[in-house]
Amino acid sequence: MRWPIPILVLLVAGCAGRPFAYRSQNEIPEGPGILSGASGEVALGRSDAAAAPKAAQDAAQAATAQGEDDLETFRAWRAYMRWREANEGTEAWREFQEWRAWQAWKRRQQR
């Protein structure tokens, strides 16, 4: 007669956990996706093409204004931006964008 009491205690303790939001693996996750921007709208083309050079200039000015100590990191970033502008639309660029999308998806899955 003693074994039903521990089982009953375990069953009641099992119901005392925190609730969780169930999400099926078949559902589309919320948030930005490969073809959608941060607002959820589909973005097949690059809408910020005109803003990219200005953004690079703004970032360079901000890095200089903050007195960035690691000049080598800034030079590497600047070289990357030049490479990015020169190689945009190539097969290597598309592969890089797919890799970035995969990395973002992987980070969302770890949360």
N, C-alpha and C. Protein backbone atom coordinates (compact mmCIF):
# COMPACT_ATOMS: atom_id res chain seq x y z
N MET A 1 0.80 -1.20 0.00
CA MET A 1 0.00 0.00 0.00
C MET A 1 0.85 1.27 0.00
N ARG A 2 2.15 1.17 0.20
CA ARG A 2 2.98 2.37 0.26
C ARG A 2 3.39 2.88 -1.13
N TRP A 3 3.38 2.07 -2.17
CA TRP A 3 3.87 2.52 -3.47
C TRP A 3 2.94 3.50 -4.18
N PRO A 4 1.62 3.54 -3.98
CA PRO A 4 0.79 4.54 -4.67
C PRO A 4 1.08 5.98 -4.21
N ILE A 5 1.51 6.18 -2.97
CA ILE A 5 1.75 7.54 -2.47
C ILE A 5 2.94 8.18 -3.19
N PRO A 6 4.11 7.53 -3.33
CA PRO A 6 5.20 8.17 -4.09
C PRO A 6 4.85 8.42 -5.55
N ILE A 7 4.10 7.53 -6.17
CA ILE A 7 3.69 7.74 -7.56
C ILE A 7 2.77 8.95 -7.66
N LEU A 8 1.85 9.08 -6.72
CA LEU A 8 0.94 10.22 -6.70
C LEU A 8 1.72 11.53 -6.49
N VAL A 9 2.72 11.51 -5.61
CA VAL A 9 3.55 12.69 -5.38
C VAL A 9 4.31 13.06 -6.65
N LEU A 10 4.86 12.09 -7.37
CA LEU A 10 5.57 12.35 -8.61
C LEU A 10 4.64 12.91 -9.69
N LEU A 11 3.45 12.38 -9.78
CA LEU A 11 2.50 12.89 -10.76
C LEU A 11 2.12 14.35 -10.47
N VAL A 12 1.88 14.67 -9.23
CA VAL A 12 1.54 16.05 -8.87
C VAL A 12 2.73 16.96 -9.08
N ALA A 13 3.94 16.52 -8.74
CA ALA A 13 5.13 17.33 -8.93
C ALA A 13 5.41 17.56 -10.42
N GLY A 14 5.08 16.59 -11.24
CA GLY A 14 5.28 16.74 -12.68
C GLY A 14 4.40 17.81 -13.30
N CYS A 15 3.28 18.10 -12.68
CA CYS A 15 2.37 19.11 -13.19
C CYS A 15 2.73 20.51 -12.70
N ALA A 16 3.73 20.63 -11.84
CA ALA A 16 4.06 21.92 -11.24
C ALA A 16 5.11 22.68 -12.05
N GLY A 17 5.53 22.17 -13.19
CA GLY A 17 6.55 22.84 -14.00
C GLY A 17 6.00 24.08 -14.69
N ARG A 18 6.90 24.81 -15.32
CA ARG A 18 6.50 26.02 -16.03
C ARG A 18 5.83 25.65 -17.36
N PRO A 19 4.80 26.38 -17.77
CA PRO A 19 4.17 26.09 -19.05
C PRO A 19 5.08 26.56 -20.20
N PHE A 20 4.93 25.95 -21.34
CA PHE A 20 5.73 26.35 -22.49
C PHE A 20 4.81 26.49 -23.69
N ALA A 21 5.24 27.28 -24.64
CA ALA A 21 4.47 27.49 -25.86
C ALA A 21 4.87 26.42 -26.87
N TYR A 22 3.96 25.58 -27.24
CA TYR A 22 4.23 24.51 -28.19
C TYR A 22 4.25 25.08 -29.61
N ARG A 23 5.25 24.72 -30.37
CA ARG A 23 5.32 25.11 -31.78
C ARG A 23 5.67 23.86 -32.57
N SER A 24 4.81 23.53 -33.50
CA SER A 24 5.04 22.37 -34.34
C SER A 24 6.22 22.63 -35.27
N GLN A 25 6.97 21.60 -35.60
CA GLN A 25 8.09 21.74 -36.52
C GLN A 25 7.60 22.01 -37.94
N ASN A 26 6.32 21.77 -38.21
CA ASN A 26 5.77 21.99 -39.54
C ASN A 26 5.32 23.43 -39.75
N GLU A 27 5.26 24.22 -38.70
CA GLU A 27 4.83 25.61 -38.82
C GLU A 27 5.99 26.49 -39.24
N ILE A 28 5.66 27.58 -39.88
CA ILE A 28 6.67 28.55 -40.27
C ILE A 28 7.00 29.39 -39.05
N PRO A 29 8.29 29.49 -38.67
CA PRO A 29 8.65 30.26 -37.48
C PRO A 29 8.44 31.76 -37.72
N GLU A 30 8.18 32.47 -36.63
CA GLU A 30 8.00 33.91 -36.72
C GLU A 30 9.35 34.58 -36.88
N GLY A 31 9.33 35.80 -37.39
CA GLY A 31 10.56 36.56 -37.56
C GLY A 31 10.98 36.61 -39.01
N PRO A 32 12.07 37.29 -39.28
CA PRO A 32 12.52 37.42 -40.67
C PRO A 32 12.98 36.09 -41.23
N GLY A 33 12.80 35.93 -42.53
CA GLY A 33 13.20 34.71 -43.19
C GLY A 33 14.18 34.99 -44.31
N ILE A 34 14.38 34.00 -45.17
CA ILE A 34 15.34 34.15 -46.26
C ILE A 34 14.86 35.20 -47.26
N LEU A 35 13.59 35.18 -47.59
CA LEU A 35 13.06 36.11 -48.58
C LEU A 35 12.28 37.27 -47.97
N SER A 36 12.19 37.33 -46.67
CA SER A 36 11.45 38.42 -46.05
C SER A 36 12.38 39.26 -45.19
N GLY A 37 12.08 40.53 -45.13
CA GLY A 37 12.89 41.43 -44.33
C GLY A 37 12.47 41.39 -42.87
N ALA A 38 12.98 42.33 -42.09
CA ALA A 38 12.68 42.36 -40.66
C ALA A 38 11.20 42.62 -40.40
N SER A 39 10.54 43.32 -41.32
CA SER A 39 9.12 43.62 -41.12
C SER A 39 8.22 42.48 -41.61
N GLY A 40 8.80 41.44 -42.23
CA GLY A 40 8.01 40.31 -42.69
C GLY A 40 7.61 40.40 -44.14
N GLU A 41 7.91 41.51 -44.79
CA GLU A 41 7.55 41.65 -46.20
C GLU A 41 8.57 40.93 -47.07
N VAL A 42 8.12 40.45 -48.22
CA VAL A 42 8.99 39.74 -49.12
C VAL A 42 9.89 40.74 -49.83
N ALA A 43 11.20 40.47 -49.80
CA ALA A 43 12.18 41.36 -50.43
C ALA A 43 13.05 40.54 -51.37
N LEU A 44 12.68 40.53 -52.66
CA LEU A 44 13.44 39.75 -53.63
C LEU A 44 14.63 40.51 -54.18
N GLY A 45 14.58 41.82 -54.16
CA GLY A 45 15.69 42.63 -54.64
C GLY A 45 16.31 43.38 -53.49
N ARG A 46 17.44 43.96 -53.73
CA ARG A 46 18.10 44.73 -52.67
C ARG A 46 17.51 46.13 -52.65
N SER A 47 16.78 46.46 -51.62
CA SER A 47 16.11 47.75 -51.55
C SER A 47 17.01 48.84 -51.00
N ASP A 48 18.08 48.47 -50.34
CA ASP A 48 18.96 49.47 -49.73
C ASP A 48 20.25 49.66 -50.53
N ALA A 49 20.20 49.46 -51.85
CA ALA A 49 21.40 49.58 -52.67
C ALA A 49 21.96 50.99 -52.64
N ALA A 50 21.09 51.98 -52.65
CA ALA A 50 21.57 53.36 -52.63
C ALA A 50 22.09 53.74 -51.25
N ALA A 51 21.58 53.10 -50.22
CA ALA A 51 21.98 53.44 -48.86
C ALA A 51 23.28 52.76 -48.43
N ALA A 52 23.73 51.73 -49.17
CA ALA A 52 24.92 50.98 -48.76
C ALA A 52 26.19 51.84 -48.71
N PRO A 53 26.51 52.64 -49.76
CA PRO A 53 27.72 53.45 -49.65
C PRO A 53 27.63 54.48 -48.51
N LYS A 54 26.46 55.06 -48.31
CA LYS A 54 26.30 56.04 -47.22
C LYS A 54 26.44 55.35 -45.87
N ALA A 55 25.90 54.14 -45.75
CA ALA A 55 26.03 53.40 -44.50
C ALA A 55 27.49 53.08 -44.22
N ALA A 56 28.25 52.74 -45.25
CA ALA A 56 29.67 52.46 -45.07
C ALA A 56 30.41 53.72 -44.62
N GLN A 57 30.07 54.87 -45.21
CA GLN A 57 30.70 56.12 -44.81
C GLN A 57 30.33 56.47 -43.37
N ASP A 58 29.06 56.30 -43.02
CA ASP A 58 28.62 56.59 -41.65
C ASP A 58 29.34 55.71 -40.65
N ALA A 59 29.49 54.43 -40.98
CA ALA A 59 30.19 53.51 -40.07
C ALA A 59 31.65 53.89 -39.93
N ALA A 60 32.27 54.30 -41.04
CA ALA A 60 33.67 54.72 -40.98
C ALA A 60 33.83 55.97 -40.11
N GLN A 61 32.91 56.92 -40.25
CA GLN A 61 32.97 58.12 -39.44
C GLN A 61 32.74 57.80 -37.96
N ALA A 62 31.80 56.89 -37.69
CA ALA A 62 31.53 56.52 -36.30
C ALA A 62 32.73 55.83 -35.68
N ALA A 63 33.39 54.96 -36.47
CA ALA A 63 34.57 54.26 -35.96
C ALA A 63 35.69 55.25 -35.66
N THR A 64 35.85 56.24 -36.54
CA THR A 64 36.88 57.25 -36.32
C THR A 64 36.53 58.13 -35.13
N ALA A 65 35.26 58.53 -35.03
CA ALA A 65 34.82 59.40 -33.94
C ALA A 65 34.96 58.71 -32.58
N GLN A 66 34.76 57.42 -32.53
CA GLN A 66 34.86 56.71 -31.27
C GLN A 66 36.31 56.42 -30.90
N GLY A 67 37.22 56.75 -31.79
CA GLY A 67 38.63 56.51 -31.49
C GLY A 67 38.94 55.02 -31.45
N GLU A 68 38.50 54.29 -32.46
CA GLU A 68 38.68 52.84 -32.47
C GLU A 68 40.16 52.49 -32.36
N ASP A 69 40.49 51.68 -31.38
CA ASP A 69 41.87 51.31 -31.12
C ASP A 69 42.40 50.28 -32.11
N ASP A 70 41.52 49.40 -32.56
CA ASP A 70 41.98 48.32 -33.42
C ASP A 70 41.86 48.74 -34.88
N LEU A 71 42.87 49.40 -35.38
CA LEU A 71 42.88 49.91 -36.75
C LEU A 71 42.87 48.77 -37.77
N GLU A 72 43.48 47.67 -37.43
CA GLU A 72 43.54 46.53 -38.36
C GLU A 72 42.14 45.96 -38.60
N THR A 73 41.32 45.90 -37.57
CA THR A 73 39.95 45.42 -37.73
C THR A 73 39.17 46.34 -38.65
N PHE A 74 39.36 47.63 -38.49
CA PHE A 74 38.67 48.59 -39.34
C PHE A 74 39.12 48.45 -40.78
N ARG A 75 40.42 48.27 -41.01
CA ARG A 75 40.92 48.10 -42.37
C ARG A 75 40.37 46.82 -43.01
N ALA A 76 40.28 45.77 -42.23
CA ALA A 76 39.72 44.52 -42.74
C ALA A 76 38.25 44.71 -43.10
N TRP A 77 37.52 45.43 -42.28
CA TRP A 77 36.11 45.70 -42.57
C TRP A 77 35.98 46.53 -43.84
N ARG A 78 36.85 47.53 -44.00
CA ARG A 78 36.80 48.38 -45.18
C ARG A 78 37.14 47.57 -46.44
N ALA A 79 38.11 46.67 -46.33
CA ALA A 79 38.45 45.80 -47.47
C ALA A 79 37.28 44.88 -47.81
N TYR A 80 36.61 44.39 -46.79
CA TYR A 80 35.43 43.56 -47.02
C TYR A 80 34.34 44.35 -47.74
N MET A 81 34.11 45.59 -47.32
CA MET A 81 33.08 46.41 -47.96
C MET A 81 33.43 46.65 -49.43
N ARG A 82 34.70 46.88 -49.73
CA ARG A 82 35.11 47.04 -51.13
C ARG A 82 34.88 45.76 -51.92
N TRP A 83 35.23 44.62 -51.31
CA TRP A 83 35.01 43.33 -51.97
C TRP A 83 33.53 43.11 -52.20
N ARG A 84 32.74 43.45 -51.21
CA ARG A 84 31.29 43.25 -51.29
C ARG A 84 30.69 44.06 -52.43
N GLU A 85 31.09 45.32 -52.56
CA GLU A 85 30.57 46.16 -53.63
C GLU A 85 31.03 45.67 -54.99
N ALA A 86 32.26 45.17 -55.09
CA ALA A 86 32.81 44.71 -56.37
C ALA A 86 32.23 43.37 -56.80
N ASN A 87 31.88 42.51 -55.85
CA ASN A 87 31.45 41.15 -56.18
C ASN A 87 29.97 40.90 -56.01
N GLU A 88 29.21 41.93 -55.79
CA GLU A 88 27.78 41.75 -55.57
C GLU A 88 27.12 41.20 -56.83
N GLY A 89 26.32 40.16 -56.67
CA GLY A 89 25.63 39.55 -57.80
C GLY A 89 26.35 38.36 -58.39
N THR A 90 27.57 38.06 -57.95
CA THR A 90 28.30 36.91 -58.48
C THR A 90 27.82 35.64 -57.77
N GLU A 91 28.25 34.51 -58.28
CA GLU A 91 27.89 33.23 -57.67
C GLU A 91 28.43 33.13 -56.24
N ALA A 92 29.65 33.62 -56.03
CA ALA A 92 30.23 33.59 -54.67
C ALA A 92 29.41 34.46 -53.72
N TRP A 93 28.91 35.58 -54.21
CA TRP A 93 28.10 36.48 -53.38
C TRP A 93 26.79 35.80 -52.99
N ARG A 94 26.14 35.15 -53.96
CA ARG A 94 24.88 34.45 -53.65
C ARG A 94 25.12 33.33 -52.64
N GLU A 95 26.21 32.61 -52.79
CA GLU A 95 26.53 31.55 -51.83
C GLU A 95 26.77 32.13 -50.44
N PHE A 96 27.44 33.26 -50.37
CA PHE A 96 27.68 33.92 -49.09
C PHE A 96 26.36 34.34 -48.45
N GLN A 97 25.44 34.87 -49.25
CA GLN A 97 24.15 35.28 -48.71
C GLN A 97 23.36 34.08 -48.19
N GLU A 98 23.43 32.97 -48.89
CA GLU A 98 22.78 31.74 -48.41
C GLU A 98 23.40 31.29 -47.09
N TRP A 99 24.72 31.39 -46.97
CA TRP A 99 25.39 31.01 -45.73
C TRP A 99 24.95 31.91 -44.59
N ARG A 100 24.86 33.23 -44.84
CA ARG A 100 24.41 34.17 -43.81
C ARG A 100 22.98 33.86 -43.37
N ALA A 101 22.11 33.53 -44.33
CA ALA A 101 20.73 33.18 -43.99
C ALA A 101 20.70 31.91 -43.15
N TRP A 102 21.54 30.96 -43.48
CA TRP A 102 21.60 29.72 -42.70
C TRP A 102 22.09 29.99 -41.29
N GLN A 103 23.12 30.86 -41.15
CA GLN A 103 23.62 31.21 -39.82
C GLN A 103 22.54 31.88 -38.99
N ALA A 104 21.77 32.79 -39.60
CA ALA A 104 20.69 33.46 -38.87
C ALA A 104 19.64 32.45 -38.45
N TRP A 105 19.30 31.50 -39.34
CA TRP A 105 18.32 30.47 -39.00
C TRP A 105 18.83 29.63 -37.83
N LYS A 106 20.12 29.29 -37.88
CA LYS A 106 20.71 28.47 -36.81
C LYS A 106 20.66 29.20 -35.47
N ARG A 107 20.94 30.52 -35.47
CA ARG A 107 20.87 31.30 -34.22
C ARG A 107 19.44 31.33 -33.69
N ARG A 108 18.45 31.47 -34.58
CA ARG A 108 17.05 31.49 -34.13
C ARG A 108 16.66 30.14 -33.53
N GLN A 109 17.18 29.05 -34.09
CA GLN A 109 16.85 27.72 -33.58
C GLN A 109 17.44 27.48 -32.20
N GLN A 110 18.56 28.13 -31.87
CA GLN A 110 19.22 27.93 -30.59
C GLN A 110 18.54 28.70 -29.47
N ARG A 111 17.68 29.63 -29.79
CA ARG A 111 17.00 30.42 -28.76
C ARG A 111 15.91 29.66 -28.12
